[in-house]
C-alpha atoms as a PDB file:
ATOM      1  CA  MET A   1       7.963   8.075   5.537  1.00  0.00           C
ATOM      2  CA  GLY A   2       4.975   9.010   5.824  1.00  0.00           C
ATOM      3  CA  THR A   3       1.998  10.296   8.257  1.00  0.00           C
ATOM      4  CA  VAL A   4      -1.188   8.422   9.759  1.00  0.00           C
ATOM      5  CA  LEU A   5      -4.027   9.633  11.079  1.00  0.00           C
ATOM      6  CA  ILE A   6      -5.371   7.923  14.225  1.00  0.00           C
ATOM      7  CA  VAL A   7      -9.213   7.619  14.801  1.00  0.00           C
ATOM      8  CA  GLU A   8      -9.446   6.201  18.264  1.00  0.00           C
ATOM      9  CA  ASP A   9     -12.380   7.954  20.858  1.00  0.00           C
ATOM     10  CA  ASP A  10      -9.789   5.529  23.137  1.00  0.00           C
ATOM     11  CA  PRO A  11      -7.034   7.356  24.948  1.00  0.00           C
ATOM     12  CA  THR A  12      -5.118   4.534  26.230  1.00  0.00           C
ATOM     13  CA  MET A  13      -5.890   3.221  22.821  1.00  0.00           C
ATOM     14  CA  ARG A  14      -4.778   5.796  20.938  1.00  0.00           C
ATOM     15  CA  ARG A  15      -1.922   7.120  22.555  1.00  0.00           C
ATOM     16  CA  GLY A  16       0.129   3.174  22.872  1.00  0.00           C
ATOM     17  CA  LEU A  17      -1.294   3.616  18.561  1.00  0.00           C
ATOM     18  CA  GLU A  18       0.796   6.635  17.822  1.00  0.00           C
ATOM     19  CA  ASP A  19       3.607   5.498  20.125  1.00  0.00           C
ATOM     20  CA  ASN A  20       4.644   3.139  18.358  1.00  0.00           C
ATOM     21  CA  ILE A  21       4.196   4.232  15.082  1.00  0.00           C
ATOM     22  CA  ARG A  22       5.958   6.775  15.891  1.00  0.00           C
ATOM     23  CA  MET A  23       8.562   4.151  16.313  1.00  0.00           C
ATOM     24  CA  LYS A  24       8.400   3.053  12.733  1.00  0.00           C
ATOM     25  CA  GLY A  25       9.673   6.760  12.027  1.00  0.00           C
ATOM     26  CA  TYR A  26       6.093   7.790  10.806  1.00  0.00           C
ATOM     27  CA  ASP A  27       4.458  10.788  11.730  1.00  0.00           C
ATOM     28  CA  THR A  28       1.335  11.100  13.462  1.00  0.00           C
ATOM     29  CA  LEU A  29      -1.781  13.089  13.518  1.00  0.00           C
ATOM     30  CA  ILE A  30      -4.787  12.483  16.123  1.00  0.00           C
ATOM     31  CA  ALA A  31      -8.319  12.433  15.950  1.00  0.00           C
ATOM     32  CA  ARG A  32     -11.083  12.315  19.021  1.00  0.00           C
ATOM     33  CA  ASP A  33     -14.182  11.391  17.371  1.00  0.00           C
ATOM     34  CA  GLY A  34     -15.585  10.947  13.439  1.00  0.00           C
ATOM     35  CA  HIS A  35     -16.357  14.672  13.173  1.00  0.00           C
ATOM     36  CA  GLU A  36     -12.652  15.588  13.621  1.00  0.00           C
ATOM     37  CA  GLY A  37     -11.379  12.408  12.013  1.00  0.00           C
ATOM     38  CA  LEU A  38     -12.817  13.675   8.426  1.00  0.00           C
ATOM     39  CA  ALA A  39     -12.470  16.465   8.892  1.00  0.00           C
ATOM     40  CA  SER A  40      -8.098  15.587   9.498  1.00  0.00           C
ATOM     41  CA  ALA A  41      -8.743  13.336   6.831  1.00  0.00           C
ATOM     42  CA  LEU A  42      -9.983  15.865   4.414  1.00  0.00           C
ATOM     43  CA  LYS A  43      -6.935  18.825   5.572  1.00  0.00           C
ATOM     44  CA  GLU A  44      -4.290  16.986   6.121  1.00  0.00           C
ATOM     45  CA  ARG A  45      -3.937  13.836   3.352  1.00  0.00           C
ATOM     46  CA  PRO A  46      -2.598  11.207   5.294  1.00  0.00           C
ATOM     47  CA  ASP A  47      -1.020   8.836   3.307  1.00  0.00           C
ATOM     48  CA  LEU A  48      -2.952   5.736   5.795  1.00  0.00           C
ATOM     49  CA  ILE A  49      -5.596   5.861   8.420  1.00  0.00           C
ATOM     50  CA  ILE A  50      -6.426   3.815  11.175  1.00  0.00           C
ATOM     51  CA  LEU A  51     -10.031   3.950  11.880  1.00  0.00           C
ATOM     52  CA  ASP A  52     -11.912   3.140  14.859  1.00  0.00           C
ATOM     53  CA  VAL A  53     -15.793   2.462  13.785  1.00  0.00           C
ATOM     54  CA  MET A  54     -17.648   2.821  17.261  1.00  0.00           C
ATOM     55  CA  LEU A  55     -17.104   6.592  18.176  1.00  0.00           C
ATOM     56  CA  PRO A  56     -18.237   9.469  18.761  1.00  0.00           C
ATOM     57  CA  GLY A  57     -20.432  11.800  16.714  1.00  0.00           C
ATOM     58  CA  ILE A  58     -20.527   9.839  13.386  1.00  0.00           C
ATOM     59  CA  ASN A  59     -18.754   6.062  12.737  1.00  0.00           C
ATOM     60  CA  GLY A  60     -15.550   4.602  11.223  1.00  0.00           C
ATOM     61  CA  TYR A  61     -17.789   3.391   8.181  1.00  0.00           C
ATOM     62  CA  GLU A  62     -19.742   7.039   8.237  1.00  0.00           C
ATOM     63  CA  VAL A  63     -15.910   8.102   7.954  1.00  0.00           C
ATOM     64  CA  CYS A  64     -14.945   5.716   5.134  1.00  0.00           C
ATOM     65  CA  SER A  65     -17.550   5.905   2.984  1.00  0.00           C
ATOM     66  CA  THR A  66     -17.421   9.735   3.260  1.00  0.00           C
ATOM     67  CA  LEU A  67     -13.675   9.628   2.770  1.00  0.00           C
ATOM     68  CA  ARG A  68     -13.650   7.471  -1.148  1.00  0.00           C
ATOM     69  CA  GLU A  69     -17.400   9.329  -2.173  1.00  0.00           C
ATOM     70  CA  ARG A  70     -14.589  12.211  -2.197  1.00  0.00           C
ATOM     71  CA  ALA A  71     -12.085  10.578  -3.865  1.00  0.00           C
ATOM     72  CA  LEU A  72      -9.321   9.918  -1.237  1.00  0.00           C
ATOM     73  CA  ASP A  73      -7.846   6.808  -2.132  1.00  0.00           C
ATOM     74  CA  MET A  74      -5.515   6.661   1.039  1.00  0.00           C
ATOM     75  CA  PRO A  75      -5.139   3.014   2.874  1.00  0.00           C
ATOM     76  CA  ILE A  76      -7.904   2.765   5.791  1.00  0.00           C
ATOM     77  CA  ILE A  77      -7.588   0.111   8.424  1.00  0.00           C
ATOM     78  CA  MET A  78     -11.137  -0.273  10.408  1.00  0.00           C
ATOM     79  CA  VAL A  79     -10.239  -1.222  13.603  1.00  0.00           C
ATOM     80  CA  THR A  80     -13.116  -2.313  16.162  1.00  0.00           C
ATOM     81  CA  ALA A  81     -13.962  -4.648  19.327  1.00  0.00           C
ATOM     82  CA  LYS A  82     -16.865  -6.351  16.981  1.00  0.00           C
ATOM     83  CA  ASP A  83     -16.782  -9.788  16.184  1.00  0.00           C
ATOM     84  CA  GLN A  84     -19.710 -10.718  13.734  1.00  0.00           C
ATOM     85  CA  GLU A  85     -18.921 -11.055  10.126  1.00  0.00           C
ATOM     86  CA  SER A  86     -21.379  -8.158   8.756  1.00  0.00           C
ATOM     87  CA  ASP A  87     -19.649  -6.166  10.356  1.00  0.00           C
ATOM     88  CA  ALA A  88     -16.585  -7.271   8.487  1.00  0.00           C
ATOM     89  CA  VAL A  89     -18.247  -6.926   5.165  1.00  0.00           C
ATOM     90  CA  LEU A  90     -19.877  -3.832   5.436  1.00  0.00           C
ATOM     91  CA  GLY A  91     -15.751  -2.112   7.414  1.00  0.00           C
ATOM     92  CA  LEU A  92     -14.378  -4.009   3.287  1.00  0.00           C
ATOM     93  CA  ASP A  93     -17.890  -2.396   1.893  1.00  0.00           C
ATOM     94  CA  VAL A  94     -17.611   0.726   2.513  1.00  0.00           C
ATOM     95  CA  GLY A  95     -14.289   0.680   1.123  1.00  0.00           C
ATOM     96  CA  ALA A  96     -11.994   0.105   4.143  1.00  0.00           C
ATOM     97  CA  ASP A  97      -8.832  -1.920   2.813  1.00  0.00           C
ATOM     98  CA  ASP A  98      -8.612  -3.960   5.967  1.00  0.00           C
ATOM     99  CA  TYR A  99      -9.880  -5.106   9.262  1.00  0.00           C
ATOM    100  CA  VAL A 100      -8.605  -5.897  12.042  1.00  0.00           C
ATOM    101  CA  ARG A 101     -10.550  -7.002  15.127  1.00  0.00           C
ATOM    102  CA  LYS A 102      -9.670  -6.023  19.695  1.00  0.00           C
ATOM    103  CA  PRO A 103      -8.180  -7.321  20.870  1.00  0.00           C
ATOM    104  CA  PHE A 104      -4.860  -7.213  18.602  1.00  0.00           C
ATOM    105  CA  SER A 105      -1.258  -7.898  18.718  1.00  0.00           C
ATOM    106  CA  ILE A 106       0.356  -4.599  17.355  1.00  0.00           C
ATOM    107  CA  LYS A 107       2.713  -6.488  15.434  1.00  0.00           C
ATOM    108  CA  GLU A 108       0.891  -7.235  13.462  1.00  0.00           C
ATOM    109  CA  LEU A 109      -0.541  -4.492  12.583  1.00  0.00           C
ATOM    110  CA  LEU A 110       2.544  -2.387  12.015  1.00  0.00           C
ATOM    111  CA  ALA A 111       3.627  -4.486   9.667  1.00  0.00           C
ATOM    112  CA  ARG A 112      -0.191  -4.543   7.836  1.00  0.00           C
ATOM    113  CA  VAL A 113       0.557  -0.314   8.395  1.00  0.00           C
ATOM    114  CA  GLN A 114       4.581  -1.187   6.863  1.00  0.00           C
ATOM    115  CA  ALA A 115       3.067  -2.979   3.977  1.00  0.00           C
ATOM    116  CA  PHE A 116       0.582  -0.761   2.954  1.00  0.00           C
ATOM    117  CA  MET A 117       3.102   1.918   3.057  1.00  0.00           C
ATOM    118  CA  ARG A 118       5.493   0.004   0.620  1.00  0.00           C
ATOM    119  CA  ARG A 119       2.682   0.279  -1.051  1.00  0.00           C
ATOM    120  CA  SER A 120       1.817   3.812  -1.394  1.00  0.00           C
ATOM    121  CA  GLY A 121       4.986   4.143  -2.666  1.00  0.00           C
ATOM    122  CA  VAL A 122       4.862   3.036  -6.093  1.00  0.00           C
ATOM    123  CA  VAL A 123       3.321   5.407  -8.550  1.00  0.00           C
ATOM    124  CA  GLU A 124       0.517   4.126  -9.812  1.00  0.00           C
ATOM    125  CA  PRO A 125      -0.757   5.988 -12.713  1.00  0.00           C
ATOM    126  CA  PRO A 126      -4.488   7.868 -12.829  1.00  0.00           C
ATOM    127  CA  PHE A 127      -5.874   5.475 -15.350  1.00  0.00           C
ATOM    128  CA  TYR A 128      -6.273   2.203 -16.969  1.00  0.00           C
ATOM    129  CA  GLU A 129      -7.587   1.441 -20.256  1.00  0.00           C
ATOM    130  CA  PHE A 130      -7.479  -2.172 -21.858  1.00  0.00           C
ATOM    131  CA  GLY A 131     -10.267  -2.822 -23.990  1.00  0.00           C
ATOM    132  CA  GLN A 132     -12.993  -0.977 -24.282  1.00  0.00           C
ATOM    133  CA  CYS A 133     -12.679  -0.602 -20.162  1.00  0.00           C
ATOM    134  CA  ARG A 134     -11.119   2.461 -18.765  1.00  0.00           C
ATOM    135  CA  LEU A 135     -10.609   2.195 -15.225  1.00  0.00           C
ATOM    136  CA  ASP A 136     -10.203   5.676 -12.646  1.00  0.00           C
ATOM    137  CA  VAL A 137      -8.472   4.634 -10.059  1.00  0.00           C
ATOM    138  CA  CYS A 138      -9.149   8.423  -7.925  1.00  0.00           C
ATOM    139  CA  ARG A 139     -12.684   8.443  -8.456  1.00  0.00           C
ATOM    140  CA  ARG A 140     -12.731   4.084  -8.710  1.00  0.00           C
ATOM    141  CA  LYS A 141     -15.133   4.350 -11.269  1.00  0.00           C
ATOM    142  CA  LEU A 142     -15.086   2.253 -14.033  1.00  0.00           C
ATOM    143  CA  TRP A 143     -16.394   2.635 -17.741  1.00  0.00           C
ATOM    144  CA  ARG A 144     -17.001   0.578 -20.784  1.00  0.00           C
ATOM    145  CA  GLU A 145     -17.553   1.649 -24.029  1.00  0.00           C
ATOM    146  CA  GLY A 146     -17.518   5.609 -22.548  1.00  0.00           C
ATOM    147  CA  LYS A 147     -20.456   4.162 -20.438  1.00  0.00           C
ATOM    148  CA  PRO A 148     -20.861   4.036 -16.688  1.00  0.00           C
ATOM    149  CA  VAL A 149     -20.037   0.874 -14.962  1.00  0.00           C
ATOM    150  CA  THR A 150     -21.320  -0.260 -11.402  1.00  0.00           C
ATOM    151  CA  LEU A 151     -18.628  -2.051  -9.156  1.00  0.00           C
ATOM    152  CA  SER A 152     -18.797  -2.827  -5.552  1.00  0.00           C
ATOM    153  CA  PRO A 153     -16.055  -1.944  -3.529  1.00  0.00           C
ATOM    154  CA  GLY A 154     -14.739  -5.278  -3.649  1.00  0.00           C
ATOM    155  CA  GLU A 155     -15.281  -5.236  -7.194  1.00  0.00           C
ATOM    156  CA  PHE A 156     -12.783  -2.479  -7.708  1.00  0.00           C
ATOM    157  CA  ARG A 157     -10.169  -3.462  -5.470  1.00  0.00           C
ATOM    158  CA  MET A 158      -9.885  -6.547  -7.124  1.00  0.00           C
ATOM    159  CA  LEU A 159     -10.188  -5.071 -11.247  1.00  0.00           C
ATOM    160  CA  ARG A 160      -6.936  -2.557  -9.619  1.00  0.00           C
ATOM    161  CA  LEU A 161      -4.989  -5.096  -7.911  1.00  0.00           C
ATOM    162  CA  PHE A 162      -5.766  -7.422 -11.488  1.00  0.00           C
ATOM    163  CA  LEU A 163      -4.786  -4.540 -13.291  1.00  0.00           C
ATOM    164  CA  ARG A 164      -1.324  -3.601 -11.406  1.00  0.00           C
ATOM    165  CA  LYS A 165      -0.064  -6.878 -11.434  1.00  0.00           C
ATOM    166  CA  ALA A 166      -1.795  -7.530 -15.153  1.00  0.00           C
ATOM    167  CA  GLY A 167       0.813 -10.496 -16.790  1.00  0.00           C
ATOM    168  CA  CYS A 168       1.489 -12.071 -12.788  1.00  0.00           C
ATOM    169  CA  SER A 169      -0.683 -15.552 -11.970  1.00  0.00           C
ATOM    170  CA  LEU A 170      -1.748 -14.259  -8.882  1.00  0.00           C
ATOM    171  CA  THR A 171      -3.427 -17.700  -5.777  1.00  0.00           C
ATOM    172  CA  GLN A 172      -6.274 -17.296  -4.491  1.00  0.00           C
ATOM    173  CA  ASP A 173      -4.260 -16.982  -0.992  1.00  0.00           C
ATOM    174  CA  GLU A 174      -2.704 -13.461  -2.705  1.00  0.00           C
ATOM    175  CA  ILE A 175      -5.853 -12.098  -4.098  1.00  0.00           C
ATOM    176  CA  ARG A 176      -8.744 -13.243  -0.638  1.00  0.00           C
ATOM    177  CA  THR A 177      -5.801 -11.017   1.027  1.00  0.00           C
ATOM    178  CA  ALA A 178      -5.283  -8.139  -1.022  1.00  0.00           C
ATOM    179  CA  VAL A 179      -8.953  -7.518  -1.343  1.00  0.00           C
ATOM    180  CA  TRP A 180     -10.613  -9.023   1.984  1.00  0.00           C
ATOM    181  CA  GLY A 181      -7.757  -8.440   4.068  1.00  0.00           C
ATOM    182  CA  TYR A 182      -6.683 -11.174   6.739  1.00  0.00           C
ATOM    183  CA  SER A 183     -10.804 -12.525   5.908  1.00  0.00           C
ATOM    184  CA  HIS A 184     -11.058 -16.404   7.615  1.00  0.00           C
ATOM    185  CA  PHE A 185     -15.107 -15.589   6.236  1.00  0.00           C
ATOM    186  CA  ILE A 186     -13.985 -15.579   2.049  1.00  0.00           C
ATOM    187  CA  SER A 187     -13.598 -18.908   0.446  1.00  0.00           C
ATOM    188  CA  THR A 188     -11.992 -20.076  -3.154  1.00  0.00           C
ATOM    189  CA  TRP A 189     -15.122 -20.300  -4.000  1.00  0.00           C
ATOM    190  CA  ASP A 190     -16.617 -16.795  -3.141  1.00  0.00           C
ATOM    191  CA  ILE A 191     -12.985 -15.834  -5.091  1.00  0.00           C
ATOM    192  CA  ASP A 192     -14.792 -17.395  -8.001  1.00  0.00           C
ATOM    193  CA  ARG A 193     -17.672 -16.168  -7.343  1.00  0.00           C
ATOM    194  CA  ALA A 194     -16.465 -12.963  -6.972  1.00  0.00           C
ATOM    195  CA  VAL A 195     -14.653 -13.552 -10.602  1.00  0.00           C
ATOM    196  CA  THR A 196     -17.376 -14.144 -12.446  1.00  0.00           C
ATOM    197  CA  ARG A 197     -19.809 -11.075 -11.230  1.00  0.00           C
ATOM    198  CA  LEU A 198     -16.051  -9.209 -12.706  1.00  0.00           C
ATOM    199  CA  ARG A 199     -15.578 -10.730 -15.794  1.00  0.00           C
ATOM    200  CA  GLU A 200     -19.642 -10.131 -16.662  1.00  0.00           C
ATOM    201  CA  LYS A 201     -18.617  -6.040 -16.331  1.00  0.00           C
ATOM    202  CA  ILE A 202     -15.617  -6.365 -18.260  1.00  0.00           C
ATOM    203  CA  GLU A 203     -15.167  -9.021 -20.240  1.00  0.00           C
ATOM    204  CA  PRO A 204     -16.432  -8.908 -23.659  1.00  0.00           C
ATOM    205  CA  ASP A 205     -17.551 -12.987 -23.700  1.00  0.00           C
ATOM    206  CA  PRO A 206     -17.636 -14.175 -19.904  1.00  0.00           C
ATOM    207  CA  ALA A 207     -18.375 -17.425 -21.335  1.00  0.00           C
ATOM    208  CA  HIS A 208     -15.078 -17.013 -22.712  1.00  0.00           C
ATOM    209  CA  PRO A 209     -12.988 -14.546 -20.610  1.00  0.00           C
ATOM    210  CA  HIS A 210     -10.055 -12.724 -22.897  1.00  0.00           C
ATOM    211  CA  TRP A 211      -9.162 -10.268 -19.271  1.00  0.00           C
ATOM    212  CA  ILE A 212      -9.056 -12.288 -16.756  1.00  0.00           C
ATOM    213  CA  ARG A 213      -7.578 -16.279 -16.968  1.00  0.00           C
ATOM    214  CA  THR A 214      -8.061 -19.257 -14.496  1.00  0.00           C
ATOM    215  CA  THR A 215      -4.863 -20.981 -13.917  1.00  0.00           C
ATOM    216  CA  GLN A 216      -4.084 -23.648 -11.720  1.00  0.00           C
ATOM    217  CA  THR A 217      -3.441 -22.078  -8.766  1.00  0.00           C
ATOM    218  CA  GLY A 218      -6.077 -18.877  -9.130  1.00  0.00           C
ATOM    219  CA  TYR A 219      -5.573 -15.779 -12.173  1.00  0.00           C
ATOM    220  CA  THR A 220      -3.958 -13.957 -13.939  1.00  0.00           C
ATOM    221  CA  PHE A 221      -4.957 -10.912 -15.865  1.00  0.00           C
ATOM    222  CA  GLU A 222      -3.894 -10.915 -19.147  1.00  0.00           C
ATOM    223  CA  MET A 223      -1.342  -7.530 -20.274  1.00  0.00           C
ATOM    224  CA  PRO A 224      -3.250  -5.397 -21.990  1.00  0.00           C
ATOM    225  CA  GLU A 225      -0.638  -3.516 -24.712  1.00  0.00           C
ATOM    226  CA  THR A 226      -1.266   0.055 -23.927  1.00  0.00           C
ATOM    227  CA  HIS A 227       0.798  -0.899 -20.252  1.00  0.00           C
ATOM    228  CA  GLY A 228       4.186  -0.880 -21.684  1.00  0.00           C
ATOM    229  CA  ASN A 229       7.154  -2.915 -19.893  1.00  0.00           C
ATOM    230  CA  ARG A 230       6.091  -5.717 -19.046  1.00  0.00           C
ATOM    231  CA  ILE A 231       5.094  -5.689 -14.476  1.00  0.00           C
ATOM    232  CA  ASP A 232       8.574  -8.076 -12.451  1.00  0.00           C
ATOM    233  CA  CYS A 233       5.892 -10.176 -11.361  1.00  0.00           C
ATOM    234  CA  SER A 234       9.035 -11.258  -8.293  1.00  0.00           C
ATOM    235  CA  ARG A 235       7.612  -7.981  -6.536  1.00  0.00           C
ATOM    236  CA  ARG A 236       4.154  -9.105  -6.472  1.00  0.00           C
ATOM    237  CA  SER A 237       4.323 -10.383  -2.489  1.00  0.00           C
ATOM    238  CA  ASP A 238       4.610  -6.740  -1.421  1.00  0.00           C
ATOM    239  CA  ASP A 239       1.693  -5.328  -3.904  1.00  0.00           C
ATOM    240  CA  ALA A 240      -0.411  -8.067  -3.622  1.00  0.00           C
ATOM    241  CA  SER A 241      -0.207  -8.512   0.102  1.00  0.00           C
ATOM    242  CA  ARG A 242      -2.601  -6.496   2.687  1.00  0.00           C
ATOM    243  CA  ALA A 243      -0.241  -7.233   5.967  1.00  0.00           C
END
């Protein structure tokens, strides 16, 4: 069913996570510090990583950032006792896909793991092309008219979501969950600002957008001709959800 790498220095927490994840049918790998976790991820290429932030050696932020720099694209759920908004934002900015604070419900964490694993089963192309733009999914890079365009981790996740669900109307809540996880700090105004910044990077005329269209409940991405068959929007809850 898939392999989950657990990077956690607390032996009690580590054993509890391992037992519960194995009960769901997944294989597990264990790492007790940042260096061991990074080495295991690079060598074994797990399907998902549960990554503690406060680790001996190198911390979880550094592990996550290094993996993304190496173009490893498996989902990463960061776990920490920190409760500051800036810590959650930092985790997402370095490439994490979700952020869970201790103490947490093991049922909630397992639900997030299963949702990511289902999503990982969807075959995704290595590149998306639309207009004069080309998005490299593995390297998380965008080119426009052959020139590199800098995307923040959040902008990459948002553009990838729009492209995966091209032609589907996505609500503000679906976008928030897919891009920032279950964050209560992200408002509809924050989402609108992020969309505006993304439009400035991909739209020929951001004031009159062609690709990212505003709807009554959120946004939709105009279907690129190169996508071929239309996506089944009725299944969007599995793909857009992060929990």
